[in-house]
N, C-alpha and C. Protein backbone atom coordinates (compact mmCIF):
# COMPACT_ATOMS: atom_id res chain seq x y z
N MET A 1 -17.29 -11.52 -1.21
CA MET A 1 -16.54 -12.62 -0.72
C MET A 1 -15.17 -12.06 -0.12
N LEU A 2 -14.84 -12.43 1.08
CA LEU A 2 -13.70 -11.91 1.73
C LEU A 2 -12.46 -12.59 1.07
N GLU A 3 -11.51 -11.79 0.79
CA GLU A 3 -10.29 -12.34 0.07
C GLU A 3 -9.04 -11.74 0.79
N THR A 4 -7.99 -12.51 1.05
CA THR A 4 -6.78 -11.93 1.55
C THR A 4 -5.73 -12.11 0.43
N LEU A 5 -5.02 -10.98 0.13
CA LEU A 5 -3.93 -10.99 -0.90
C LEU A 5 -2.69 -10.53 -0.18
N ASN A 6 -1.58 -11.11 -0.55
CA ASN A 6 -0.32 -10.74 0.05
C ASN A 6 0.81 -10.73 -1.05
N VAL A 7 1.58 -9.72 -1.04
CA VAL A 7 2.83 -9.76 -1.88
C VAL A 7 3.90 -9.32 -0.91
N THR A 8 4.95 -10.22 -0.93
CA THR A 8 6.11 -10.05 -0.05
C THR A 8 7.35 -10.08 -0.95
N LYS A 9 8.26 -9.06 -0.79
CA LYS A 9 9.43 -9.06 -1.58
C LYS A 9 10.66 -8.61 -0.74
N SER A 10 11.77 -9.12 -1.12
CA SER A 10 13.02 -8.63 -0.50
C SER A 10 13.48 -7.52 -1.38
N ILE A 11 13.86 -6.38 -0.70
CA ILE A 11 14.30 -5.15 -1.48
C ILE A 11 15.65 -4.78 -0.97
N SER A 12 16.39 -4.13 -1.82
CA SER A 12 17.76 -3.69 -1.51
C SER A 12 17.77 -2.35 -0.91
N VAL A 13 17.04 -2.20 0.16
CA VAL A 13 16.90 -0.94 0.95
C VAL A 13 16.91 -1.33 2.38
N ALA A 14 17.67 -0.59 3.24
CA ALA A 14 17.72 -0.89 4.67
C ALA A 14 16.24 -0.74 5.24
N SER A 15 15.92 -1.56 6.15
CA SER A 15 14.58 -1.58 6.70
C SER A 15 14.15 -0.27 7.30
N GLU A 16 15.04 0.45 7.96
CA GLU A 16 14.61 1.72 8.55
C GLU A 16 14.33 2.74 7.54
N LYS A 17 15.07 2.70 6.40
CA LYS A 17 14.80 3.69 5.35
C LYS A 17 13.50 3.36 4.62
N ALA A 18 13.21 2.08 4.45
CA ALA A 18 11.93 1.61 3.85
C ALA A 18 10.78 1.98 4.86
N TRP A 19 10.91 1.78 6.09
CA TRP A 19 9.91 2.04 7.08
C TRP A 19 9.65 3.58 7.07
N GLN A 20 10.65 4.40 7.06
CA GLN A 20 10.43 5.82 7.07
C GLN A 20 9.61 6.28 5.89
N ALA A 21 9.85 5.68 4.77
CA ALA A 21 9.03 6.01 3.53
C ALA A 21 7.60 5.51 3.67
N ILE A 22 7.33 4.39 4.22
CA ILE A 22 5.97 3.88 4.43
C ILE A 22 5.28 4.77 5.48
N ALA A 23 5.99 5.07 6.58
CA ALA A 23 5.33 5.79 7.66
C ALA A 23 5.02 7.23 7.37
N SER A 24 5.65 7.76 6.32
CA SER A 24 5.43 9.11 5.91
C SER A 24 4.05 9.26 5.28
N ILE A 25 3.33 8.20 5.04
CA ILE A 25 1.97 8.15 4.49
C ILE A 25 1.86 8.44 3.04
N GLY A 26 2.55 9.43 2.48
CA GLY A 26 2.50 9.84 1.06
C GLY A 26 3.52 9.15 0.19
N GLY A 27 3.66 9.65 -1.01
CA GLY A 27 4.62 9.18 -1.98
C GLY A 27 4.24 8.09 -2.88
N LEU A 28 3.02 7.56 -2.75
CA LEU A 28 2.56 6.44 -3.57
C LEU A 28 2.57 6.69 -5.05
N ASP A 29 2.47 7.97 -5.47
CA ASP A 29 2.51 8.31 -6.84
C ASP A 29 3.95 8.09 -7.48
N ARG A 30 4.90 8.02 -6.65
CA ARG A 30 6.29 7.73 -7.04
C ARG A 30 6.54 6.24 -7.21
N TRP A 31 5.73 5.46 -6.50
CA TRP A 31 5.94 4.00 -6.42
C TRP A 31 5.04 3.21 -7.30
N PHE A 32 3.85 3.57 -7.46
CA PHE A 32 2.80 2.85 -8.16
C PHE A 32 2.55 3.45 -9.52
N PRO A 33 2.81 2.79 -10.66
CA PRO A 33 2.59 3.35 -11.97
C PRO A 33 1.12 3.67 -12.20
N ILE A 34 0.13 3.06 -11.43
CA ILE A 34 -1.30 3.28 -11.60
C ILE A 34 -1.79 4.47 -10.96
N ILE A 35 -0.88 5.11 -10.12
CA ILE A 35 -1.27 6.31 -9.35
C ILE A 35 -0.60 7.53 -9.83
N SER A 36 -1.39 8.56 -10.23
CA SER A 36 -0.75 9.77 -10.83
C SER A 36 -0.52 10.80 -9.86
N ASP A 37 -1.33 10.83 -8.69
CA ASP A 37 -1.17 11.88 -7.66
C ASP A 37 -1.51 11.25 -6.33
N CYS A 38 -0.81 11.80 -5.24
CA CYS A 38 -0.99 11.30 -3.92
C CYS A 38 -0.87 12.56 -3.04
N ARG A 39 -1.90 12.93 -2.28
CA ARG A 39 -1.78 13.90 -1.29
C ARG A 39 -2.31 13.46 0.07
N VAL A 40 -1.90 14.11 1.07
CA VAL A 40 -2.29 13.63 2.44
C VAL A 40 -2.88 14.81 3.19
N GLU A 41 -4.05 14.62 3.83
CA GLU A 41 -4.72 15.60 4.66
C GLU A 41 -4.54 15.08 6.09
N GLY A 42 -4.00 15.87 6.96
CA GLY A 42 -3.73 15.51 8.35
C GLY A 42 -2.38 14.75 8.51
N ALA A 43 -2.18 14.26 9.69
CA ALA A 43 -0.92 13.65 10.00
C ALA A 43 -1.20 12.46 10.96
N GLY A 44 -0.38 11.44 10.92
CA GLY A 44 -0.45 10.33 11.79
C GLY A 44 -1.76 9.53 11.64
N VAL A 45 -2.09 8.84 12.70
CA VAL A 45 -3.29 8.03 12.74
C VAL A 45 -4.56 8.90 12.53
N GLY A 46 -5.40 8.59 11.57
CA GLY A 46 -6.55 9.40 11.27
C GLY A 46 -6.36 10.24 10.03
N ALA A 47 -5.08 10.39 9.53
CA ALA A 47 -4.84 11.10 8.28
C ALA A 47 -5.56 10.44 7.16
N ILE A 48 -5.93 11.34 6.14
CA ILE A 48 -6.57 10.74 4.95
C ILE A 48 -5.58 10.99 3.84
N ARG A 49 -5.42 9.84 3.10
CA ARG A 49 -4.57 9.84 1.87
C ARG A 49 -5.45 9.78 0.61
N ILE A 50 -5.31 10.71 -0.22
CA ILE A 50 -6.10 10.80 -1.46
C ILE A 50 -5.29 10.43 -2.68
N LEU A 51 -5.65 9.40 -3.35
CA LEU A 51 -4.91 8.94 -4.44
C LEU A 51 -5.68 9.08 -5.75
N THR A 52 -5.07 9.68 -6.78
CA THR A 52 -5.74 9.82 -8.08
C THR A 52 -5.05 8.80 -8.98
N LEU A 53 -5.87 7.97 -9.59
CA LEU A 53 -5.37 6.93 -10.60
C LEU A 53 -5.02 7.64 -11.86
N THR A 54 -4.30 6.95 -12.74
CA THR A 54 -4.04 7.51 -14.05
C THR A 54 -5.26 7.75 -14.97
N ASP A 55 -6.34 6.94 -14.62
CA ASP A 55 -7.60 7.19 -15.40
C ASP A 55 -8.50 8.30 -14.88
N GLY A 56 -7.93 8.99 -13.72
CA GLY A 56 -8.70 10.06 -13.17
C GLY A 56 -9.58 9.71 -11.95
N ALA A 57 -9.76 8.36 -11.73
CA ALA A 57 -10.59 7.92 -10.60
C ALA A 57 -9.83 8.17 -9.32
N GLU A 58 -10.56 8.29 -8.22
CA GLU A 58 -9.97 8.71 -6.97
C GLU A 58 -10.29 7.57 -5.86
N MET A 59 -9.26 7.39 -5.07
CA MET A 59 -9.35 6.53 -3.89
C MET A 59 -8.98 7.28 -2.60
N ARG A 60 -9.50 6.95 -1.56
CA ARG A 60 -9.27 7.58 -0.25
C ARG A 60 -9.02 6.54 0.80
N ASP A 61 -7.89 6.76 1.55
CA ASP A 61 -7.53 5.85 2.66
C ASP A 61 -7.47 6.62 3.99
N ARG A 62 -7.87 5.94 5.02
CA ARG A 62 -7.72 6.59 6.37
C ARG A 62 -6.70 5.68 7.12
N VAL A 63 -5.72 6.37 7.68
CA VAL A 63 -4.60 5.69 8.40
C VAL A 63 -5.18 5.18 9.76
N LEU A 64 -4.99 3.94 10.02
CA LEU A 64 -5.46 3.23 11.20
C LEU A 64 -4.34 2.99 12.19
N GLU A 65 -3.22 2.76 11.72
CA GLU A 65 -2.07 2.40 12.65
C GLU A 65 -0.73 2.71 11.98
N ILE A 66 0.13 3.35 12.81
CA ILE A 66 1.52 3.51 12.44
C ILE A 66 2.30 3.01 13.67
N ASP A 67 2.88 1.88 13.58
CA ASP A 67 3.62 1.24 14.70
C ASP A 67 5.06 1.06 14.34
N PRO A 68 5.87 2.13 14.85
CA PRO A 68 7.34 2.04 14.61
C PRO A 68 8.06 0.85 15.16
N ALA A 69 7.65 0.30 16.33
CA ALA A 69 8.32 -0.83 16.92
C ALA A 69 8.09 -2.07 16.04
N ALA A 70 6.96 -2.18 15.55
CA ALA A 70 6.71 -3.40 14.64
C ALA A 70 6.95 -3.12 13.21
N LYS A 71 7.20 -1.83 12.84
CA LYS A 71 7.30 -1.36 11.46
C LYS A 71 6.07 -1.81 10.68
N ARG A 72 4.96 -1.51 11.22
CA ARG A 72 3.67 -1.88 10.60
C ARG A 72 2.77 -0.64 10.41
N PHE A 73 2.21 -0.53 9.21
CA PHE A 73 1.39 0.55 8.85
C PHE A 73 0.03 -0.08 8.35
N ARG A 74 -1.09 0.41 8.90
CA ARG A 74 -2.43 -0.09 8.52
C ARG A 74 -3.35 0.97 8.08
N TYR A 75 -4.09 0.73 7.05
CA TYR A 75 -5.04 1.75 6.52
C TYR A 75 -6.31 1.08 6.05
N GLU A 76 -7.44 1.85 6.00
CA GLU A 76 -8.68 1.42 5.46
C GLU A 76 -8.98 2.30 4.24
N ARG A 77 -9.25 1.59 3.15
CA ARG A 77 -9.71 2.36 2.03
C ARG A 77 -11.21 2.67 2.13
N THR A 78 -11.58 4.01 2.25
CA THR A 78 -12.91 4.43 2.57
C THR A 78 -13.64 4.76 1.17
N HIS A 79 -12.90 4.95 0.14
CA HIS A 79 -13.51 5.20 -1.16
C HIS A 79 -12.68 4.67 -2.23
N SER A 80 -13.40 3.87 -3.18
CA SER A 80 -12.62 3.22 -4.24
C SER A 80 -13.52 3.04 -5.44
N PRO A 81 -12.93 3.15 -6.68
CA PRO A 81 -13.74 2.96 -7.91
C PRO A 81 -13.99 1.49 -8.16
N PHE A 82 -13.38 0.62 -7.32
CA PHE A 82 -13.48 -0.84 -7.58
C PHE A 82 -14.64 -1.40 -6.73
N PRO A 83 -15.16 -2.62 -7.25
CA PRO A 83 -16.29 -3.15 -6.54
C PRO A 83 -15.97 -3.92 -5.23
N VAL A 84 -15.55 -3.06 -4.20
CA VAL A 84 -15.19 -3.73 -2.89
C VAL A 84 -16.01 -3.06 -1.83
N SER A 85 -16.43 -3.81 -0.79
CA SER A 85 -17.16 -3.17 0.29
C SER A 85 -16.34 -3.12 1.46
N LYS A 86 -15.18 -3.76 1.53
CA LYS A 86 -14.21 -3.70 2.59
C LYS A 86 -12.83 -3.69 2.04
N TYR A 87 -11.88 -2.91 2.57
CA TYR A 87 -10.57 -2.88 2.00
C TYR A 87 -9.63 -2.38 3.12
N LEU A 88 -8.88 -3.36 3.75
CA LEU A 88 -7.93 -3.15 4.73
C LEU A 88 -6.54 -3.44 4.22
N GLY A 89 -5.62 -2.55 4.41
CA GLY A 89 -4.28 -2.77 3.91
C GLY A 89 -3.30 -2.75 5.13
N THR A 90 -2.32 -3.65 5.04
CA THR A 90 -1.26 -3.73 6.11
C THR A 90 0.11 -3.77 5.42
N VAL A 91 1.00 -2.91 5.72
CA VAL A 91 2.34 -2.90 5.17
C VAL A 91 3.29 -3.16 6.33
N GLU A 92 4.19 -4.17 6.15
CA GLU A 92 5.13 -4.52 7.29
C GLU A 92 6.55 -4.51 6.66
N VAL A 93 7.46 -4.03 7.34
CA VAL A 93 8.89 -4.05 6.97
C VAL A 93 9.63 -4.83 7.99
N LYS A 94 10.46 -5.79 7.48
CA LYS A 94 11.23 -6.62 8.37
C LYS A 94 12.75 -6.54 7.94
N ASP A 95 13.58 -6.58 8.97
CA ASP A 95 15.03 -6.55 8.73
C ASP A 95 15.52 -7.87 8.09
N LYS A 96 16.44 -7.68 7.09
CA LYS A 96 17.10 -8.88 6.55
C LYS A 96 18.56 -8.75 6.84
N THR A 97 19.23 -7.80 6.19
CA THR A 97 20.66 -7.52 6.48
C THR A 97 20.72 -6.02 6.59
N GLY A 98 21.90 -5.44 6.75
CA GLY A 98 22.00 -3.98 6.85
C GLY A 98 21.52 -3.19 5.76
N SER A 99 21.68 -3.76 4.54
CA SER A 99 21.17 -3.01 3.34
C SER A 99 19.97 -3.69 2.67
N GLU A 100 19.35 -4.62 3.25
CA GLU A 100 18.27 -5.31 2.62
C GLU A 100 17.13 -5.48 3.75
N SER A 101 15.93 -5.48 3.19
CA SER A 101 14.79 -5.72 4.01
C SER A 101 13.72 -6.49 3.31
N GLU A 102 12.70 -6.90 4.05
CA GLU A 102 11.55 -7.62 3.43
C GLU A 102 10.30 -6.76 3.58
N LEU A 103 9.69 -6.54 2.56
CA LEU A 103 8.40 -5.69 2.60
C LEU A 103 7.25 -6.59 2.24
N SER A 104 6.29 -6.57 3.18
CA SER A 104 5.08 -7.41 2.95
C SER A 104 3.90 -6.51 2.92
N TRP A 105 3.07 -6.56 1.85
CA TRP A 105 1.90 -5.74 1.71
C TRP A 105 0.66 -6.67 1.57
N THR A 106 -0.21 -6.58 2.58
CA THR A 106 -1.41 -7.54 2.63
C THR A 106 -2.64 -6.73 2.54
N LEU A 107 -3.59 -7.23 1.80
CA LEU A 107 -4.88 -6.64 1.62
C LEU A 107 -5.95 -7.65 2.10
N GLN A 108 -6.91 -7.16 2.86
CA GLN A 108 -8.16 -7.96 3.09
C GLN A 108 -9.28 -7.15 2.37
N ILE A 109 -9.88 -7.81 1.50
CA ILE A 109 -10.94 -7.11 0.76
C ILE A 109 -12.16 -8.01 0.61
N ASP A 110 -13.27 -7.29 0.63
CA ASP A 110 -14.57 -7.96 0.38
C ASP A 110 -15.00 -7.51 -1.03
N VAL A 111 -14.93 -8.46 -1.92
CA VAL A 111 -15.11 -8.00 -3.34
C VAL A 111 -16.28 -8.78 -3.94
N ALA A 112 -17.05 -8.10 -4.81
CA ALA A 112 -18.15 -8.82 -5.50
C ALA A 112 -17.59 -9.97 -6.26
N GLU A 113 -18.33 -11.13 -6.20
CA GLU A 113 -17.93 -12.42 -6.82
C GLU A 113 -17.62 -12.30 -8.26
N GLU A 114 -18.49 -11.56 -9.02
CA GLU A 114 -18.30 -11.47 -10.50
C GLU A 114 -17.05 -10.60 -10.91
N ALA A 115 -16.49 -9.89 -9.89
CA ALA A 115 -15.31 -9.11 -10.22
C ALA A 115 -14.09 -9.59 -9.57
N ARG A 116 -14.22 -10.62 -8.75
CA ARG A 116 -13.10 -11.16 -7.83
C ARG A 116 -11.91 -11.55 -8.59
N GLU A 117 -11.91 -12.41 -9.63
CA GLU A 117 -10.77 -12.86 -10.34
C GLU A 117 -9.97 -11.73 -10.93
N GLN A 118 -10.67 -10.95 -11.66
CA GLN A 118 -9.95 -9.86 -12.37
C GLN A 118 -9.33 -8.80 -11.37
N LEU A 119 -10.09 -8.45 -10.36
CA LEU A 119 -9.59 -7.50 -9.41
C LEU A 119 -8.42 -8.08 -8.53
N VAL A 120 -8.49 -9.34 -8.16
CA VAL A 120 -7.37 -9.91 -7.43
C VAL A 120 -6.15 -9.88 -8.26
N LEU A 121 -6.13 -10.19 -9.57
CA LEU A 121 -5.01 -10.10 -10.38
C LEU A 121 -4.53 -8.68 -10.53
N LEU A 122 -5.39 -7.70 -10.67
CA LEU A 122 -5.00 -6.30 -10.82
C LEU A 122 -4.34 -5.81 -9.52
N LEU A 123 -4.90 -6.18 -8.44
CA LEU A 123 -4.35 -5.68 -7.14
C LEU A 123 -3.03 -6.31 -6.84
N LYS A 124 -2.80 -7.62 -7.06
CA LYS A 124 -1.51 -8.32 -6.87
C LYS A 124 -0.46 -7.65 -7.68
N GLN A 125 -0.77 -7.32 -8.98
CA GLN A 125 0.15 -6.71 -9.84
C GLN A 125 0.56 -5.32 -9.39
N ALA A 126 -0.51 -4.60 -8.94
CA ALA A 126 -0.25 -3.23 -8.49
C ALA A 126 0.58 -3.23 -7.23
N LEU A 127 0.39 -4.16 -6.35
CA LEU A 127 1.20 -4.23 -5.15
C LEU A 127 2.67 -4.57 -5.43
N SER A 128 2.86 -5.54 -6.34
CA SER A 128 4.23 -5.94 -6.80
C SER A 128 4.90 -4.69 -7.45
N ASP A 129 4.23 -4.01 -8.28
CA ASP A 129 4.78 -2.79 -9.00
C ASP A 129 5.10 -1.78 -7.92
N GLY A 130 4.21 -1.59 -6.94
CA GLY A 130 4.42 -0.55 -5.93
C GLY A 130 5.66 -0.80 -5.08
N ILE A 131 5.82 -2.14 -4.64
CA ILE A 131 6.96 -2.43 -3.87
C ILE A 131 8.28 -2.28 -4.66
N SER A 132 8.25 -2.65 -5.90
CA SER A 132 9.42 -2.46 -6.74
C SER A 132 9.67 -1.00 -6.98
N GLY A 133 8.59 -0.16 -7.11
CA GLY A 133 8.74 1.25 -7.25
C GLY A 133 9.30 1.95 -6.07
N LEU A 134 8.88 1.49 -4.85
CA LEU A 134 9.45 2.04 -3.62
C LEU A 134 10.95 1.73 -3.54
N GLU A 135 11.31 0.56 -3.92
CA GLU A 135 12.74 0.18 -3.89
C GLU A 135 13.44 1.04 -4.83
N LYS A 136 12.97 1.29 -6.04
CA LYS A 136 13.70 2.07 -7.06
C LYS A 136 13.75 3.53 -6.54
N ASP A 137 12.68 4.05 -5.96
CA ASP A 137 12.71 5.43 -5.43
C ASP A 137 13.65 5.66 -4.33
N LEU A 138 13.95 4.60 -3.46
CA LEU A 138 14.75 4.76 -2.31
C LEU A 138 16.27 4.41 -2.58
N ARG A 139 16.55 3.88 -3.70
CA ARG A 139 17.96 3.59 -4.02
C ARG A 139 18.66 4.66 -4.64
């Protein structure tokens, strides 16, 4: 079943600084408590991001878009330990004030019905934690 999840937060980081962190592709192990390691193979669109979870499971993302003008980053999760058959992520950074921005992380996932409720809760919490972790890392 196709599901769209979104977590949007205001953060005390200038939008350009937040965008540079997102556009660098890596660093998720500093932002997300559930991720113990993050490495990147390649650069720019087409790069592969390999994420190791704290339980040892691995996820892989392929970068689809890095749009500096829109401050939008899109990726496709090509490998996941979770019961999803489609996983598209979009991260957008918007200006608020000179020292604040709004970060929106949206997922479109196709998830098995029997796992939907639990996985949606896990992913929303992970996104919220990750945005807070990015803010803490950049301050």
